[in-house]
């Protein structure tokens, strides 16, 4: 049985900033303490490498990231990704983060690329572009 996880006012504001401000392309969320809502940990403009390097090796996170890439035709594209970062060392938190992931998917219904990553190589740039393209 999964518990309900809500989105804090700060989480909603952070996602709004990502959608409305060009200087924000990444929002990283974590569970609050007590774990009943998601709170923003970071709002920033991260490169792909910074995003991957910033994922904690032993703690889960939820990430909304605007991926910039070139289409096969050569046009620039941006696609929002919703990422559940769930390293194997954090299995005890998986149920709570999965509930938060579901709440975020519902809130971001227009985001079409969702993925769960357990290792950094699952966030490889070419893989993300293939999912988005």
Protein backbone atom coordinates (compact mmCIF):
# COMPACT_ATOMS: atom_id res chain seq x y z
CA UNK A 1 0.00 0.00 0.00
CA UNK A 2 1.55 3.32 -1.00
CA UNK A 3 1.16 6.48 1.00
CA UNK A 4 0.03 9.74 -0.54
CA UNK A 5 2.81 12.20 -1.23
CA UNK A 6 1.90 15.79 -1.96
CA UNK A 7 3.66 18.61 -3.73
CA UNK A 8 4.72 21.44 -1.44
CA UNK A 9 4.15 25.08 -2.38
CA UNK A 10 7.90 25.30 -2.97
CA UNK A 11 7.82 22.35 -5.36
CA UNK A 12 4.97 23.85 -7.34
CA UNK A 13 6.77 27.21 -7.49
CA UNK A 14 10.01 25.54 -8.62
CA UNK A 15 8.26 23.69 -11.46
CA UNK A 16 6.52 26.93 -12.44
CA UNK A 17 9.92 28.69 -12.58
CA UNK A 18 11.26 25.95 -14.84
CA UNK A 19 8.38 26.44 -17.25
CA UNK A 20 8.40 30.25 -17.19
CA UNK A 21 12.03 31.34 -16.80
CA UNK A 22 14.80 30.67 -19.27
CA UNK A 23 17.51 30.59 -16.60
CA UNK A 24 15.98 27.51 -14.93
CA UNK A 25 16.14 24.19 -16.80
CA UNK A 26 16.32 21.76 -13.88
CA UNK A 27 14.38 21.23 -10.68
CA UNK A 28 15.51 18.56 -8.21
CA UNK A 29 13.01 17.50 -5.55
CA UNK A 30 13.41 15.38 -2.43
CA UNK A 31 11.02 14.14 0.22
CA UNK A 32 10.46 16.43 3.17
CA UNK A 33 10.93 15.32 6.74
CA UNK A 34 8.45 13.86 7.65
CA UNK A 35 8.09 12.33 4.17
CA UNK A 36 4.64 13.62 3.28
CA UNK A 37 5.52 16.05 0.50
CA UNK A 38 8.14 16.88 -2.09
CA UNK A 39 10.29 19.95 -1.51
CA UNK A 40 12.73 21.63 -3.90
CA UNK A 41 16.39 20.89 -3.32
CA UNK A 42 17.71 22.74 -6.36
CA UNK A 43 16.46 25.08 -9.07
CA UNK A 44 19.12 25.80 -11.62
CA UNK A 45 20.47 25.84 -15.12
CA UNK A 46 22.47 22.63 -15.33
CA UNK A 47 24.33 21.08 -18.20
CA UNK A 48 23.70 17.40 -18.81
CA UNK A 49 27.04 16.54 -17.16
CA UNK A 50 26.21 18.66 -14.10
CA UNK A 51 22.85 16.93 -13.81
CA UNK A 52 24.37 13.45 -13.88
CA UNK A 53 27.23 14.35 -11.53
CA UNK A 54 24.79 15.97 -9.11
CA UNK A 55 22.72 12.84 -8.54
CA UNK A 56 23.49 11.54 -5.03
CA UNK A 57 24.87 7.98 -5.21
CA UNK A 58 22.87 6.65 -2.25
CA UNK A 59 19.74 8.83 -2.15
CA UNK A 60 16.73 9.03 -4.45
CA UNK A 61 15.54 12.24 -6.09
CA UNK A 62 12.85 13.40 -8.48
CA UNK A 63 14.07 15.58 -11.33
CA UNK A 64 12.32 17.70 -13.92
CA UNK A 65 14.90 18.60 -16.57
CA UNK A 66 14.59 20.41 -19.88
CA UNK A 67 16.81 18.51 -22.30
CA UNK A 68 18.16 20.54 -25.23
CA UNK A 69 19.21 18.65 -28.35
CA UNK A 70 19.22 18.74 -32.13
CA UNK A 71 16.63 16.75 -34.03
CA UNK A 72 17.78 14.48 -36.91
CA UNK A 73 16.78 17.34 -39.22
CA UNK A 74 19.15 19.67 -37.38
CA UNK A 75 16.60 21.87 -35.60
CA UNK A 76 17.06 22.68 -31.93
CA UNK A 77 14.54 21.03 -29.62
CA UNK A 78 13.80 21.14 -25.94
CA UNK A 79 11.90 18.39 -24.17
CA UNK A 80 10.93 18.16 -20.51
CA UNK A 81 11.92 14.93 -18.79
CA UNK A 82 10.60 13.58 -15.51
CA UNK A 83 13.22 11.40 -13.87
CA UNK A 84 12.94 9.17 -10.83
CA UNK A 85 16.51 8.73 -9.60
CA UNK A 86 16.44 5.55 -7.50
CA UNK A 87 19.89 4.10 -6.78
CA UNK A 88 19.82 0.55 -5.45
CA UNK A 89 21.20 1.73 -2.08
CA UNK A 90 17.94 3.64 -1.51
CA UNK A 91 15.47 0.78 -1.96
CA UNK A 92 13.85 1.42 1.43
CA UNK A 93 12.61 4.78 0.11
CA UNK A 94 11.35 3.50 -3.23
CA UNK A 95 7.66 3.28 -2.28
CA UNK A 96 7.53 6.87 -1.01
CA UNK A 97 9.44 8.26 -4.00
CA UNK A 98 7.29 6.26 -6.42
CA UNK A 99 4.21 7.85 -4.84
CA UNK A 100 5.82 11.28 -5.27
CA UNK A 101 6.70 10.42 -8.87
CA UNK A 102 3.06 9.55 -9.52
CA UNK A 103 1.89 12.85 -8.00
CA UNK A 104 4.40 14.78 -10.12
CA UNK A 105 3.36 12.90 -13.29
CA UNK A 106 -0.22 13.86 -12.60
CA UNK A 107 0.72 17.51 -12.05
CA UNK A 108 2.91 17.56 -15.19
CA UNK A 109 0.46 15.73 -17.46
CA UNK A 110 1.95 17.30 -20.61
CA UNK A 111 5.44 15.89 -19.94
CA UNK A 112 5.67 12.83 -22.15
CA UNK A 113 9.13 11.45 -21.27
CA UNK A 114 9.25 9.65 -17.91
CA UNK A 115 12.05 7.40 -16.78
CA UNK A 116 13.46 5.65 -13.77
CA UNK A 117 17.25 5.59 -13.48
CA UNK A 118 19.14 3.45 -10.99
CA UNK A 119 22.63 4.09 -12.39
CA UNK A 120 24.31 7.13 -13.92
CA UNK A 121 24.76 5.38 -17.29
CA UNK A 122 20.95 5.26 -17.58
CA UNK A 123 21.08 9.06 -17.79
CA UNK A 124 23.49 9.07 -20.74
CA UNK A 125 22.85 12.02 -23.03
CA UNK A 126 22.29 9.93 -26.18
CA UNK A 127 19.83 7.70 -24.32
CA UNK A 128 17.86 10.72 -23.10
CA UNK A 129 17.82 12.22 -26.59
CA UNK A 130 16.56 8.91 -28.03
CA UNK A 131 13.75 8.86 -25.46
CA UNK A 132 12.86 12.50 -26.17
CA UNK A 133 13.19 12.32 -29.94
